[in-house]
C-alpha cells in the first residue's frame, strides 16, 4: 500500500480534523448569513450622496497636500497653519496613497465586495492558520503518544521517510483545503455582493492585491502548520505544541513586551514574531515609536514611524521554521520510540 495514500486516509479519518472542518463550515455560514442579513441594494440617492462625500474627502486631501507644499516653499508660514500638516508631504499626497476615498466608504448598510474582501480574507487566513497549527500538532502528537508511529515503522522501517511523508501529506492537505476554502468563501461573498449589495471596482489592481495577500497568507498558514508539527514531534505530544505556543504568547509577546516598554527599548516590535507575521500577511507592517521622534517646524512628532516589509519577515520566519523542523527530524531519528 502506498505510504502517501495511507497517510492521507489517516489524516482524513481523524475526528479532530473532521471537527475542525465542521467548525470551518459553520464559521463561513454564520459570516455569510450575517452579511446577507445586514446588506441591501443601494438606491440611486444613496449612491449619489456617497459619491459627493467621497469627492469632498478627496478634495480635503488635495487641499492638505497643497498646504504642505506651500509651507515647504515658504508661501505659507508654519505659524499660520491651523491644522496638522506633516513635515513629509508625501504622507498626504493623494497620488501616493494606497487607496483614495471612494463612494463605497460612505455607504451605510451596503456590502461592497471590493471594500470588504480584504478583511474577509484576513479572517479566512486566521482560521486556516489556527486550523493548520492545531491539526499539524495533533496529527503527529497523537501518533507518537499512542504508538501509531511505531506500528507504521514496523511496516515501513525508515524513520526519515515516514516522518517526511507525514509532513508532506499534512502540508499538501492543508494547501488543498486552503485553496478550496478560499475559492468557496470569496465566491460566496462575491455572489452576495451581486445579489444584495454592490461589487465595487473589481479591476486588475484589486485582484492583484487580493491575490498577493492570499499568497502570503497561504505561506503563513503552511509555516504555522509546520511549526505545530515540529514542536509536537520534539515534545512527543500534542500538548507540547499547545503549551509552547501558549508559553511564548504569555511570556514573550505579553510579558517581555511589557518589560521592554518599561525599559523604553526603541522599536520593541522588532523582537516579537507577531510583528513579522503581520508584515508577511499585509506586505508591510507600520509601527510608531515616540522615542524616535524628531520635531520639525510643525511642532509635531516626525521620524517616529517605521515599518517591516514582507521579504525579510519571510526569511526570518522560514529560518525559524526550518530550524525547528530540522531539530524535530534529528530528534525523531535518534529517539527511542518504544
Protein backbone atom coordinates (compact mmCIF):
# COMPACT_ATOMS: atom_id res chain seq x y z
CA UNK A 1 0.00 0.00 0.00
CA UNK A 2 1.30 3.47 -0.90
CA UNK A 3 2.59 5.38 2.14
CA UNK A 4 1.21 8.73 0.96
CA UNK A 5 -2.25 7.25 0.37
CA UNK A 6 -2.17 5.64 3.80
CA UNK A 7 -1.26 8.94 5.44
CA UNK A 8 -3.99 10.79 3.54
CA UNK A 9 -6.54 8.27 4.77
CA UNK A 10 -5.26 8.58 8.34
CA UNK A 11 -5.38 12.37 8.16
CA UNK A 12 -8.91 12.45 6.76
CA UNK A 13 -10.15 9.89 9.29
CA UNK A 14 -9.02 11.85 12.35
CA UNK A 15 -12.00 13.07 14.35
CA UNK A 16 -10.23 16.30 15.27
CA UNK A 17 -9.71 17.13 11.59
CA UNK A 18 -13.37 16.42 10.88
CA UNK A 19 -14.40 18.60 13.83
CA UNK A 20 -12.24 21.49 12.59
CA UNK A 21 -13.78 21.15 9.13
CA UNK A 22 -17.27 21.35 10.62
CA UNK A 23 -16.25 24.46 12.58
CA UNK A 24 -14.81 25.95 9.39
CA UNK A 25 -18.09 25.46 7.54
CA UNK A 26 -20.09 26.85 10.48
CA UNK A 27 -17.88 29.94 10.72
CA UNK A 28 -18.25 30.55 7.00
CA UNK A 29 -22.01 30.03 7.15
CA UNK A 30 -22.51 32.40 10.10
CA UNK A 31 -20.37 35.09 8.46
CA UNK A 32 -22.20 34.80 5.14
CA UNK A 33 -25.65 34.77 6.77
CA UNK A 34 -24.80 37.82 8.92
CA UNK A 35 -23.54 39.71 5.89
CA UNK A 36 -26.60 38.81 3.82
CA UNK A 37 -28.94 39.91 6.61
CA UNK A 38 -27.22 43.28 7.07
CA UNK A 39 -26.92 44.45 3.46
CA UNK A 40 -29.21 45.86 0.79
CA UNK A 41 -29.03 47.14 -2.75
CA UNK A 42 -28.17 50.87 -2.63
CA UNK A 43 -30.67 53.31 -4.09
CA UNK A 44 -29.75 55.95 -6.63
CA UNK A 45 -29.96 58.65 -3.94
CA UNK A 46 -27.63 56.72 -1.63
CA UNK A 47 -25.10 56.30 -4.42
CA UNK A 48 -25.26 59.99 -5.34
CA UNK A 49 -24.76 61.12 -1.71
CA UNK A 50 -21.86 58.69 -1.22
CA UNK A 51 -20.17 59.93 -4.40
CA UNK A 52 -20.45 63.53 -3.19
CA UNK A 53 -18.94 62.69 0.21
CA UNK A 54 -16.09 60.77 -1.44
CA UNK A 55 -15.37 63.74 -3.72
CA UNK A 56 -15.31 66.08 -0.71
CA UNK A 57 -12.88 63.77 1.12
CA UNK A 58 -10.55 63.66 -1.88
CA UNK A 59 -10.67 67.45 -2.14
CA UNK A 60 -9.73 67.77 1.53
CA UNK A 61 -6.71 65.53 0.98
CA UNK A 62 -5.60 67.56 -2.03
CA UNK A 63 -6.01 70.79 -0.03
CA UNK A 64 -3.86 69.45 2.81
CA UNK A 65 -1.20 68.30 0.37
CA UNK A 66 -1.13 71.67 -1.34
CA UNK A 67 -0.89 73.43 2.03
CA UNK A 68 2.09 71.25 2.90
CA UNK A 69 3.81 72.11 -0.39
CA UNK A 70 3.12 75.82 0.12
CA UNK A 71 4.66 75.69 3.58
CA UNK A 72 7.77 73.98 2.24
CA UNK A 73 8.16 76.69 -0.46
CA UNK A 74 7.70 79.41 2.14
CA UNK A 75 4.45 80.66 0.59
CA UNK A 76 2.69 79.91 3.90
CA UNK A 77 4.38 80.30 7.29
CA UNK A 78 4.24 77.40 9.74
CA UNK A 79 2.65 79.64 12.39
CA UNK A 80 -0.25 80.42 10.04
CA UNK A 81 -1.19 76.74 9.63
CA UNK A 82 -4.08 75.84 11.91
CA UNK A 83 -4.29 72.15 11.07
CA UNK A 84 -1.91 69.21 11.22
CA UNK A 85 0.43 69.15 8.23
CA UNK A 86 3.32 66.65 8.27
CA UNK A 87 6.92 67.59 7.51
CA UNK A 88 6.98 64.98 4.73
CA UNK A 89 4.36 65.98 2.16
CA UNK A 90 4.38 62.51 0.62
CA UNK A 91 2.40 61.32 3.65
CA UNK A 92 -0.62 63.32 2.45
CA UNK A 93 -0.05 63.06 -1.29
CA UNK A 94 -3.26 61.56 -2.77
CA UNK A 95 -1.27 60.16 -5.69
CA UNK A 96 0.92 58.10 -3.34
CA UNK A 97 -1.85 56.80 -1.09
CA UNK A 98 -2.68 53.12 -1.19
CA UNK A 99 -6.35 53.89 -1.80
CA UNK A 100 -8.22 57.17 -2.23
CA UNK A 101 -11.68 57.66 -0.66
CA UNK A 102 -14.40 56.07 -2.79
CA UNK A 103 -18.20 56.09 -2.67
CA UNK A 104 -18.31 52.66 -1.02
CA UNK A 105 -16.64 54.14 2.07
CA UNK A 106 -19.71 56.31 2.67
CA UNK A 107 -22.47 53.77 2.03
CA UNK A 108 -24.22 52.56 5.19
CA UNK A 109 -25.70 49.07 5.36
CA UNK A 110 -24.43 48.09 1.91
CA UNK A 111 -21.97 45.22 1.44
CA UNK A 112 -19.34 46.18 -1.14
CA UNK A 113 -17.14 43.28 -2.16
CA UNK A 114 -14.22 45.45 -3.29
CA UNK A 115 -14.15 47.23 0.09
CA UNK A 116 -14.73 44.20 2.33
CA UNK A 117 -12.93 41.36 0.54
CA UNK A 118 -9.56 42.10 2.14
CA UNK A 119 -10.93 41.99 5.70
CA UNK A 120 -12.85 38.81 4.89
CA UNK A 121 -9.68 37.24 3.53
CA UNK A 122 -7.81 38.09 6.73
CA UNK A 123 -10.50 36.27 8.74
CA UNK A 124 -10.19 33.23 6.47
CA UNK A 125 -6.39 33.15 6.76
CA UNK A 126 -6.56 33.48 10.55
CA UNK A 127 -8.90 30.49 10.77
CA UNK A 128 -6.81 28.41 8.36
CA UNK A 129 -3.64 29.27 10.31
CA UNK A 130 -5.27 28.09 13.54
CA UNK A 131 -6.57 25.01 11.72
CA UNK A 132 -3.12 24.19 10.35
CA UNK A 133 -1.30 24.61 13.65
CA UNK A 134 -3.77 22.51 15.66
CA UNK A 135 -4.12 19.78 13.05
CA UNK A 136 -0.36 19.67 12.48
CA UNK A 137 0.28 19.27 16.21
CA UNK A 138 -2.44 16.67 16.79
CA UNK A 139 -1.63 14.68 13.64
CA UNK A 140 1.88 13.70 14.75
CA UNK A 141 1.39 14.19 18.50
CA UNK A 142 -1.42 11.65 18.79
CA UNK A 143 0.51 9.06 16.75
CA UNK A 144 3.63 9.46 18.86
CA UNK A 145 1.69 9.26 22.10
CA UNK A 146 -0.48 6.29 21.12
CA UNK A 147 2.22 4.22 19.43
CA UNK A 148 0.82 4.67 15.94
CA UNK A 149 4.21 5.73 14.59
CA UNK A 150 5.82 2.58 15.98
CA UNK A 151 3.26 0.41 14.18
CA UNK A 152 3.86 2.36 10.98
CA UNK A 153 7.63 1.86 11.28
CA UNK A 154 7.13 -1.90 11.55
CA UNK A 155 5.59 -1.75 8.09
CA UNK A 156 7.96 0.88 6.64
CA UNK A 157 11.16 0.87 8.82
CA UNK A 158 12.60 4.16 7.54
CA UNK A 159 12.19 6.91 10.07
CA UNK A 160 13.06 9.89 7.89
CA UNK A 161 10.83 8.65 5.06
CA UNK A 162 7.89 8.11 7.39
CA UNK A 163 8.21 11.49 9.13
CA UNK A 164 8.85 13.32 5.84
CA UNK A 165 5.80 11.68 4.26
CA UNK A 166 3.67 12.66 7.23
CA UNK A 167 4.81 16.28 6.98
CA UNK A 168 4.43 16.40 3.20
CA UNK A 169 0.95 14.87 3.37
CA UNK A 170 -0.06 17.33 6.07
CA UNK A 171 1.19 20.35 4.09
CA UNK A 172 -0.36 19.11 0.86
CA UNK A 173 -3.73 18.50 2.51
CA UNK A 174 -3.65 21.88 4.23
CA UNK A 175 -2.73 23.67 1.00
CA UNK A 176 -5.52 21.91 -0.93
CA UNK A 177 -8.07 22.74 1.77
CA UNK A 178 -6.91 26.37 1.81
CA UNK A 179 -7.34 26.71 -1.96
CA UNK A 180 -10.80 25.13 -1.98
CA UNK A 181 -11.96 27.05 1.09
CA UNK A 182 -10.70 30.35 -0.33
CA UNK A 183 -12.49 29.82 -3.64
CA UNK A 184 -15.77 28.85 -1.95
CA UNK A 185 -15.52 31.60 0.66
CA UNK A 186 -14.70 34.53 -1.61
CA UNK A 187 -17.04 33.21 -4.28
CA UNK A 188 -19.92 33.22 -1.79
CA UNK A 189 -19.34 36.83 -0.81
CA UNK A 190 -18.91 37.88 -4.43
CA UNK A 191 -22.33 36.36 -5.12
CA UNK A 192 -23.82 38.19 -2.10
CA UNK A 193 -22.45 41.47 -3.48
CA UNK A 194 -24.01 40.77 -6.87
CA UNK A 195 -27.42 39.92 -5.43
CA UNK A 196 -27.81 42.11 -2.32
CA UNK A 197 -25.01 44.66 -2.37
CA UNK A 198 -22.60 46.00 -4.92
CA UNK A 199 -19.37 44.53 -6.34
CA UNK A 200 -17.37 47.76 -6.32
CA UNK A 201 -14.37 48.35 -8.54
CA UNK A 202 -13.00 44.90 -9.36
CA UNK A 203 -10.13 45.78 -11.66
CA UNK A 204 -6.78 44.12 -12.19
CA UNK A 205 -5.17 46.12 -9.41
CA UNK A 206 -7.78 44.88 -6.92
CA UNK A 207 -7.40 41.22 -7.86
CA UNK A 208 -3.61 41.53 -7.92
CA UNK A 209 -3.54 43.00 -4.41
CA UNK A 210 -6.01 40.40 -3.10
CA UNK A 211 -4.06 37.59 -4.75
CA UNK A 212 -0.80 38.82 -3.17
CA UNK A 213 -2.39 38.85 0.29
CA UNK A 214 -3.82 35.37 -0.29
CA UNK A 215 -0.46 34.01 -1.47
CA UNK A 216 1.42 35.41 1.53
CA UNK A 217 -1.38 34.22 3.80
CA UNK A 218 -1.08 30.69 2.41
CA UNK A 219 2.66 30.78 3.16
CA UNK A 220 1.87 31.82 6.74
CA UNK A 221 -0.67 29.01 7.09
CA UNK A 222 1.85 26.42 5.88
CA UNK A 223 4.57 27.81 8.15
CA UNK A 224 2.34 27.58 11.24
CA UNK A 225 1.26 24.09 10.22
CA UNK A 226 4.91 23.05 10.04
CA UNK A 227 5.68 24.69 13.39
CA UNK A 228 2.83 22.81 15.08
CA UNK A 229 4.05 19.53 13.57
CA UNK A 230 7.70 20.17 14.51
CA UNK A 231 7.08 21.23 18.12
CA UNK A 232 4.72 18.30 18.73
CA UNK A 233 7.39 15.97 17.31
CA UNK A 234 10.00 17.39 19.64
CA UNK A 235 7.67 17.13 22.65
CA UNK A 236 6.15 13.77 21.60
CA UNK A 237 2.66 15.05 22.36
CA UNK A 238 0.05 17.47 21.03
CA UNK A 239 0.03 19.31 24.34
CA UNK A 240 3.72 20.15 23.85
CA UNK A 241 2.86 22.35 20.87
CA UNK A 242 -0.10 23.92 22.66
CA UNK A 243 1.99 24.59 25.75
CA UNK A 244 4.85 26.02 23.71
CA UNK A 245 2.67 28.49 21.81
CA UNK A 246 0.78 29.49 24.96
CA UNK A 247 4.05 29.97 26.85
CA UNK A 248 5.53 32.05 24.05
CA UNK A 249 2.46 34.30 23.84
CA UNK A 250 2.25 34.87 27.60
CA UNK A 251 5.95 35.07 28.48
CA UNK A 252 7.34 36.85 25.44
CA UNK A 253 4.59 38.53 23.42
CA UNK A 254 2.94 39.93 26.58
CA UNK A 255 5.49 39.76 29.41
CA UNK A 256 8.66 40.66 27.55
CA UNK A 257 6.89 43.34 25.55
CA UNK A 258 5.72 44.94 28.82
CA UNK A 259 9.26 44.83 30.21
CA UNK A 260 10.63 46.43 27.03
CA UNK A 261 8.05 49.20 27.32
CA UNK A 262 9.09 49.84 30.93
CA UNK A 263 12.77 49.89 29.94
CA UNK A 264 11.91 52.16 27.00
CA UNK A 265 13.50 49.89 24.43
CA UNK A 266 13.50 51.51 20.98
CA UNK A 267 11.27 49.72 18.46
CA UNK A 268 10.27 46.79 20.68
CA UNK A 269 8.14 45.30 17.88
CA UNK A 270 11.39 44.10 16.26
CA UNK A 271 11.73 41.43 18.92
CA UNK A 272 8.32 39.71 18.67
CA UNK A 273 7.32 37.27 15.95
CA UNK A 274 3.79 38.63 15.64
CA UNK A 275 5.24 41.77 14.02
CA UNK A 276 6.92 39.72 11.32
CA UNK A 277 3.81 37.59 10.80
CA UNK A 278 1.76 40.77 10.34
CA UNK A 279 4.33 42.14 7.88
CA UNK A 280 4.27 38.91 5.89
CA UNK A 281 0.49 38.84 5.72
CA UNK A 282 -0.04 42.52 4.91
CA UNK A 283 3.07 43.03 2.82
CA UNK A 284 4.15 45.78 5.18
CA UNK A 285 3.56 46.45 8.89
CA UNK A 286 3.86 50.03 10.09
CA UNK A 287 4.67 50.99 13.67
CA UNK A 288 5.07 54.14 15.72
CA UNK A 289 7.80 54.76 18.27
CA UNK A 290 7.67 58.11 20.07
CA UNK A 291 11.24 57.58 21.32
CA UNK A 292 12.45 58.07 17.75
CA UNK A 293 10.64 61.38 17.27
CA UNK A 294 12.23 64.39 15.68
CA UNK A 295 10.25 67.60 15.97
CA UNK A 296 10.22 69.72 12.83
CA UNK A 297 8.84 73.16 12.07
CA UNK A 298 5.27 71.98 12.52
CA UNK A 299 5.92 71.08 16.16
CA UNK A 300 4.59 67.56 15.58
CA UNK A 301 6.50 64.33 16.02
CA UNK A 302 8.35 63.31 12.90
CA UNK A 303 10.51 60.27 12.24
CA UNK A 304 8.68 58.08 14.75
CA UNK A 305 7.15 55.93 12.03
CA UNK A 306 8.97 52.81 10.87
CA UNK A 307 7.97 49.62 9.10
CA UNK A 308 8.75 45.97 8.45
CA UNK A 309 8.35 44.55 4.95
CA UNK A 310 7.33 41.05 3.98
CA UNK A 311 10.58 39.89 2.32
CA UNK A 312 12.88 39.97 5.41
CA UNK A 313 9.96 38.83 7.55
CA UNK A 314 9.51 35.77 5.34
CA UNK A 315 13.23 34.97 5.53
CA UNK A 316 13.16 35.18 9.33
CA UNK A 317 10.05 33.01 9.67
CA UNK A 318 11.39 30.50 7.16
CA UNK A 319 14.66 30.29 9.08
CA UNK A 320 12.96 29.68 12.43
CA UNK A 321 10.56 27.14 10.93
CA UNK A 322 13.40 25.36 9.15
CA UNK A 323 15.45 25.20 12.36
CA UNK A 324 12.52 23.73 14.32
CA UNK A 325 11.81 21.21 11.55
CA UNK A 326 15.45 20.14 11.34
CA UNK A 327 15.59 19.71 15.11
CA UNK A 328 12.40 17.63 15.00
CA UNK A 329 13.82 15.30 12.33
CA UNK A 330 17.11 14.90 14.20
CA UNK A 331 15.30 14.14 17.46
CA UNK A 332 12.95 11.70 15.74
CA UNK A 333 15.86 9.87 14.14
CA UNK A 334 17.75 9.42 17.42
CA UNK A 335 14.83 8.93 19.81
CA UNK A 336 13.77 5.65 21.36
CA UNK A 337 10.10 5.43 20.33
CA UNK A 338 9.20 2.43 22.46
